[in-house]
Amino acid sequence: MQKVYDNADAALEGLLFDGMFIAAGGFGLCGIPELLIDAIVKAGTKDLTIASNNCGVDGFGLGKLLDTKQIKKMLSSYVGENAEFMRQYLSGELELEFNPQGTLAERMRAGGAGIPGFYTKTGVGTVVAEGKELKEFDGETYVLERGIVADISIVKAWKADDTGNLVFRKTARNFNPPAAMCGKVCIAEVEEIVPRGSLDPDHIHLPGIFVHRLIQGEHEKRIEQRTVRKREEQSGAAAGEEV
């Protein structure tokens, strides 16, 4: 079975349709499937429901799909620094289902593991639990959350082999593995495809059985926030002298 495709357009061919449900990996601007997002923007697929921790930033990542108004609904845990996300939500142009961050990750993982739902205490007594089934266990109240199964999942990894085994780098590992698991078809973009057998099995974060299509490409690596602090004056330095 061929898994490696020439580019994002080819990898998404035959999979996109209006009104579809997409699970997208990434955390902030780390580990986002930017090449696949650009291809969806280019395809013009609309009325999308997307499950993702956040929605990129203005003009980058999933934020591009907000700019083109291709997203109908977001399932997210964080609006972040995306002003267009906030504007569309407050104006009623965009539906938003808030999920606690851990709940969203577990909903993806559960869907990928064939678990239709699970109970959690997170969100009980808040708007998160409104309209959902509540159940008592050992004197404590829990809310039922449904597993997520998406039409496709799009993820970004650091390395892969041609069978789709994936290795993620640092923070990019947070949401990409569960997002990959919950898609009926998973498309992964990576920085490098290495020869089969060259990945240490103990270093593989997601087995290739979850990955159906694969591309390699160049990625823009942005920094979401930067904190700058003046260095403290060293002992004995002249008053007012920056060191």
Protein backbone atom coordinates (compact mmCIF):
# COMPACT_ATOMS: atom_id res chain seq x y z
CA MET A 1 0.00 0.00 0.00
CA GLN A 2 1.46 3.33 -1.10
CA LYS A 3 1.52 5.90 1.68
CA VAL A 4 4.02 8.49 0.43
CA TYR A 5 2.61 11.23 -1.83
CA ASP A 6 4.38 13.99 -3.75
CA ASN A 7 2.62 16.93 -2.10
CA ALA A 8 -0.32 17.99 0.07
CA ASP A 9 -2.72 18.41 -2.86
CA ALA A 10 -2.08 14.83 -3.97
CA ALA A 11 -2.36 13.47 -0.43
CA LEU A 12 -5.80 15.08 0.04
CA GLU A 13 -7.16 14.11 -3.37
CA GLY A 14 -10.55 12.42 -3.11
CA LEU A 15 -10.90 13.07 0.61
CA LEU A 16 -12.30 16.60 0.88
CA PHE A 17 -15.99 17.52 0.79
CA ASP A 18 -18.13 20.39 2.09
CA GLY A 19 -19.44 19.92 5.62
CA MET A 20 -16.74 17.44 6.63
CA PHE A 21 -15.24 16.95 10.10
CA ILE A 22 -11.46 17.36 10.44
CA ALA A 23 -9.26 16.65 13.47
CA ALA A 24 -6.10 18.77 13.36
CA GLY A 25 -2.96 18.25 15.43
CA GLY A 26 -0.75 20.94 16.91
CA PHE A 27 -0.40 22.98 20.07
CA GLY A 28 -0.28 26.74 19.61
CA LEU A 29 2.01 27.13 16.60
CA CYS A 30 4.00 24.01 17.44
CA GLY A 31 3.51 20.93 15.29
CA ILE A 32 0.74 22.30 13.09
CA PRO A 33 0.09 20.65 9.70
CA GLU A 34 0.60 23.88 7.77
CA LEU A 35 1.11 22.34 4.31
CA LEU A 36 -2.12 20.37 4.53
CA ILE A 37 -3.97 23.41 5.85
CA ASP A 38 -2.74 25.45 2.87
CA ALA A 39 -3.99 22.73 0.52
CA ILE A 40 -7.45 22.82 2.14
CA VAL A 41 -7.52 26.59 1.77
CA LYS A 42 -6.61 26.17 -1.91
CA ALA A 43 -9.31 23.52 -2.41
CA GLY A 44 -11.99 25.87 -1.06
CA THR A 45 -13.71 23.16 0.98
CA LYS A 46 -16.29 24.91 3.18
CA ASP A 47 -18.65 24.46 6.15
CA LEU A 48 -15.90 22.61 7.99
CA THR A 49 -16.10 21.38 11.57
CA ILE A 50 -12.59 21.24 13.03
CA ALA A 51 -11.43 19.75 16.32
CA SER A 52 -8.14 21.28 17.42
CA ASN A 53 -6.66 22.64 20.63
CA ASN A 54 -6.72 26.16 19.16
CA CYS A 55 -7.15 27.78 15.76
CA GLY A 56 -3.70 29.09 14.90
CA VAL A 57 -3.14 32.83 14.81
CA ASP A 58 -4.28 35.52 12.43
CA GLY A 59 -3.10 34.61 8.94
CA PHE A 60 -1.25 31.42 9.89
CA GLY A 61 -2.16 27.79 10.52
CA LEU A 62 -5.88 27.17 10.91
CA GLY A 63 -6.24 30.94 11.08
CA LYS A 64 -6.01 30.91 7.26
CA LEU A 65 -9.22 28.87 7.10
CA LEU A 66 -10.89 31.43 9.36
CA ASP A 67 -9.78 34.24 7.05
CA THR A 68 -11.44 32.51 4.09
CA LYS A 69 -14.52 31.65 6.19
CA GLN A 70 -14.26 27.95 5.38
CA ILE A 71 -14.83 26.90 9.02
CA LYS A 72 -18.37 26.54 10.32
CA LYS A 73 -17.62 25.16 13.79
CA MET A 74 -14.59 24.73 16.06
CA LEU A 75 -14.13 22.27 18.91
CA SER A 76 -11.33 23.90 20.89
CA SER A 77 -9.97 24.52 24.36
CA TYR A 78 -8.25 27.85 23.68
CA VAL A 79 -9.09 30.87 21.54
CA GLY A 80 -5.57 32.22 22.01
CA GLU A 81 -4.21 35.30 20.28
CA ASN A 82 -6.42 34.90 17.20
CA ALA A 83 -8.42 38.11 16.88
CA GLU A 84 -10.39 36.82 13.88
CA PHE A 85 -11.44 33.72 15.83
CA MET A 86 -12.77 35.96 18.61
CA ARG A 87 -14.49 38.31 16.15
CA GLN A 88 -16.29 35.54 14.24
CA TYR A 89 -17.40 33.84 17.46
CA LEU A 90 -18.73 37.02 19.09
CA SER A 91 -20.53 38.04 15.89
CA GLY A 92 -22.22 34.65 15.58
CA GLU A 93 -20.45 33.72 12.33
CA LEU A 94 -18.60 30.80 13.93
CA GLU A 95 -19.94 28.04 16.19
CA LEU A 96 -17.67 27.15 19.08
CA GLU A 97 -17.77 24.15 21.38
CA PHE A 98 -15.38 24.73 24.25
CA ASN A 99 -13.67 21.63 25.64
CA PRO A 100 -11.31 21.42 28.61
CA GLN A 101 -7.89 20.69 27.14
CA GLY A 102 -7.47 17.23 28.65
CA THR A 103 -11.04 16.30 27.77
CA LEU A 104 -10.49 17.25 24.12
CA ALA A 105 -7.32 15.16 23.92
CA GLU A 106 -9.07 12.19 25.56
CA ARG A 107 -12.11 12.52 23.25
CA MET A 108 -9.74 12.17 20.28
CA ARG A 109 -7.85 9.26 21.82
CA ALA A 110 -11.10 7.52 22.77
CA GLY A 111 -12.48 7.83 19.26
CA GLY A 112 -9.29 6.36 17.85
CA ALA A 113 -9.43 3.47 20.32
CA GLY A 114 -13.04 2.60 19.46
CA ILE A 115 -14.43 3.96 22.75
CA PRO A 116 -17.73 5.79 22.08
CA GLY A 117 -17.71 7.75 25.33
CA PHE A 118 -16.28 8.14 28.83
CA TYR A 119 -17.12 9.83 32.12
CA THR A 120 -15.03 12.61 33.66
CA LYS A 121 -15.39 15.01 36.59
CA THR A 122 -13.89 17.85 34.55
CA GLY A 123 -16.58 20.42 33.72
CA VAL A 124 -19.23 19.19 36.13
CA GLY A 125 -21.27 22.14 37.41
CA THR A 126 -20.18 24.43 34.54
CA VAL A 127 -21.50 25.27 31.08
CA VAL A 128 -19.29 22.45 29.75
CA ALA A 129 -21.73 19.92 31.23
CA GLU A 130 -24.95 21.58 30.06
CA GLY A 131 -27.16 19.20 28.08
CA LYS A 132 -24.90 16.19 28.76
CA GLU A 133 -25.62 13.05 30.74
CA LEU A 134 -24.49 13.08 34.38
CA LYS A 135 -23.86 9.95 36.43
CA GLU A 136 -22.89 9.23 40.02
CA PHE A 137 -19.88 7.03 40.81
CA ASP A 138 -18.87 6.46 44.45
CA GLY A 139 -20.74 9.57 45.53
CA GLU A 140 -19.13 11.82 42.91
CA THR A 141 -20.80 13.33 39.83
CA TYR A 142 -19.31 12.73 36.39
CA VAL A 143 -20.25 14.00 32.92
CA LEU A 144 -20.40 11.82 29.82
CA GLU A 145 -18.15 12.95 26.97
CA ARG A 146 -18.32 11.39 23.50
CA GLY A 147 -15.31 10.08 21.63
CA ILE A 148 -14.40 11.99 18.46
CA VAL A 149 -14.27 10.25 15.09
CA ALA A 150 -13.35 12.63 12.26
CA ASP A 151 -13.63 12.17 8.50
CA ILE A 152 -9.92 12.90 8.22
CA SER A 153 -7.13 13.88 10.57
CA ILE A 154 -4.21 16.10 9.57
CA VAL A 155 -1.04 16.04 11.67
CA LYS A 156 2.58 17.18 11.65
CA ALA A 157 5.50 14.97 12.76
CA TRP A 158 9.26 15.32 12.79
CA LYS A 159 10.26 12.03 11.15
CA ALA A 160 8.57 9.08 9.48
CA ASP A 161 9.46 5.99 7.52
CA ASP A 162 7.57 4.98 4.39
CA THR A 163 5.21 2.75 6.39
CA GLY A 164 3.93 5.79 8.33
CA ASN A 165 5.62 5.21 11.68
CA LEU A 166 5.88 8.70 13.22
CA VAL A 167 8.27 10.42 15.60
CA PHE A 168 7.18 13.76 17.07
CA ARG A 169 9.44 16.41 18.53
CA LYS A 170 8.89 17.86 22.00
CA THR A 171 5.61 19.83 22.39
CA ALA A 172 4.34 18.69 18.98
CA ARG A 173 3.65 15.32 20.60
CA ASN A 174 0.81 16.73 22.74
CA PHE A 175 -2.18 16.73 20.38
CA ASN A 176 -0.84 15.15 17.20
CA PRO A 177 -0.97 11.47 18.29
CA PRO A 178 -4.60 11.52 19.53
CA ALA A 179 -5.66 13.64 16.54
CA ALA A 180 -4.03 11.14 14.18
CA MET A 181 -5.78 8.22 15.86
CA CYS A 182 -9.32 9.59 15.58
CA GLY A 183 -9.45 10.19 11.82
CA LYS A 184 -11.02 7.65 9.47
CA VAL A 185 -8.13 8.62 7.19
CA CYS A 186 -4.96 10.18 8.64
CA ILE A 187 -2.67 12.35 6.53
CA ALA A 188 0.69 13.24 8.09
CA GLU A 189 3.25 15.79 6.94
CA VAL A 190 6.81 15.41 8.15
CA GLU A 191 10.16 17.14 7.91
CA GLU A 192 11.99 13.97 6.90
CA ILE A 193 11.13 10.51 5.58
CA VAL A 194 13.84 8.04 6.53
CA PRO A 195 14.51 4.52 5.19
CA ARG A 196 12.38 1.69 6.51
CA GLY A 197 14.00 0.06 9.54
CA SER A 198 16.11 3.08 10.50
CA LEU A 199 13.77 4.26 13.29
CA ASP A 200 14.41 2.74 16.71
CA PRO A 201 11.12 0.97 17.59
CA ASP A 202 11.36 2.37 21.13
CA HIS A 203 11.41 5.91 19.71
CA ILE A 204 8.26 5.59 17.56
CA HIS A 205 5.42 7.61 19.07
CA LEU A 206 2.65 6.57 16.67
CA PRO A 207 2.60 3.26 14.76
CA GLY A 208 2.13 3.41 11.00
CA ILE A 209 -1.17 1.50 11.21
CA PHE A 210 -2.84 4.82 12.10
CA VAL A 211 -1.31 6.73 9.15
CA HIS A 212 -2.75 6.33 5.64
CA ARG A 213 -1.04 9.07 3.63
CA LEU A 214 2.27 10.85 4.08
CA ILE A 215 4.14 13.83 2.64
CA GLN A 216 7.49 15.47 3.26
CA GLY A 217 7.98 19.22 3.01
CA GLU A 218 9.59 22.42 4.20
CA HIS A 219 7.95 24.12 7.16
CA GLU A 220 7.90 27.63 8.56
CA LYS A 221 8.76 27.59 12.25
CA ARG A 222 7.22 30.52 14.04
CA ILE A 223 7.59 31.56 17.67
CA GLU A 224 4.19 32.25 19.24
CA GLN A 225 5.48 34.48 22.07
CA ARG A 226 8.81 35.95 22.97
CA THR A 227 9.70 37.36 26.36
CA VAL A 228 12.54 39.87 26.59
CA ARG A 229 14.06 40.84 29.93
CA LYS A 230 17.02 43.08 30.61
CA ARG A 231 19.93 41.35 32.21
CA GLU A 232 20.44 42.31 35.83
CA GLU A 233 23.29 44.61 36.61
CA GLN A 234 26.30 42.77 37.82
CA SER A 235 27.71 43.54 41.23
CA GLY A 236 30.05 46.49 41.05
CA ALA A 237 28.81 47.78 37.69
CA ALA A 238 28.44 51.49 37.31
CA ALA A 239 24.99 52.85 38.12
CA GLY A 240 22.75 52.85 35.05
CA GLU A 241 25.18 50.72 33.01
CA GLU A 242 23.51 47.84 31.12
CA VAL A 243 25.52 44.62 31.20
